[in-house]
Amino acid sequence: MSHTALIPSHRKPRQSASKTALRAGVAGGVLSTIAVAGAAGPAQAEPVTQTIEMPTITAGLSTTVAASAEATQQVALDLETQANQDAAAATAAKAAKKAKAEAVRKAEAKKKAEAAAKAEAKAKAEAAERASRSTERTTLSAPSGSSSSGSSVSTASAPASSSASGSAASVVSFVQMQVGDAYVSGGTGPNSWDCSGLVQAAFRTVGVDLPRVSQSQSTAGTQVGLGNLQPGDILYWGGAGSAYHVGVYVGGGQFVGAQNSSTGVVQKSLDYDPPSGAVRVL
């Protein structure tokens, strides 16, 4: 027996081929897993990189919203414009209606004024014709010693007045031209009068400024008897200083006065409404 056979060997036994193959397989599997994981990593991160495309989506949406806002604003502007046009049309229609009503009113007023002027001219023509036919002399009577405040008037006697001349003629002409005008309390012309307003206006034509009311006019001049009347004398009814009515003697036993709202301005005989007295201003 050899000595070498008894000496144990210090070398490690060689691994078997199966173990080596197993280890190689394990290592290959690990490497494969790592490779797969490496390959999977970028694949899982790729959706994140796709968020780069979001600004394009957001920009498109912003453009759509802006367009919608612009369209809404345009609709609002159109509605406002239409409202303004409707308001302007309504205002124009209202103004046209008012103008038409005013035109109709003026036409009616003009028609009435023309009719009134025609009636006035006719009345004055008739009054002038009556005056031309009336006698210039008539008889006036008064009791002896009669005063200006209490004499009665009759056609039986009393001297007749002479025809008017000068300023008196102008006063007489003025009041006769107003015959047919309306009576209005407080009226001073030119187409409506009260009694003292007519007398005051008549004497103003010859530069005489009389008081406004009948009470004052009944004492404005020299008291004269009713038997000595002259054209242009102021007649009064009631007491001197307290008269309630006045008129103008126009000759021929007649007077002109703004009597009342029923008769207006008339020319009448003294017998129609005998006066209480008279004053002479001219």
Foldseek 3Di string as FASTA:
>chain_A
DDPVVPDDDPDDDDDDPVVVVVVVVVVVVVVVVVVVVVVVVVVVCVVVVVCVCVVVVVVVVVVVVVVVVVVVVVVVVVVVVVVVVVVVVVVVVVVVVVVVVVVVVVVVVVVVVVVLVVQLVVQLVVLVVVVVPFDQWFAWDFDPPDFQQATWTDRPHFTFAHADDDLLNQLLVQLSSLFPAAEDVVDQDDRYYAFQSSLQVSNVVVPDHFDRAQLRNLPVAAWDHPSHDYRQKKFFADGRNPTPGIWTDRGSQWTWGQDDRVRGIHIDHCVVPPTRGIGHDD
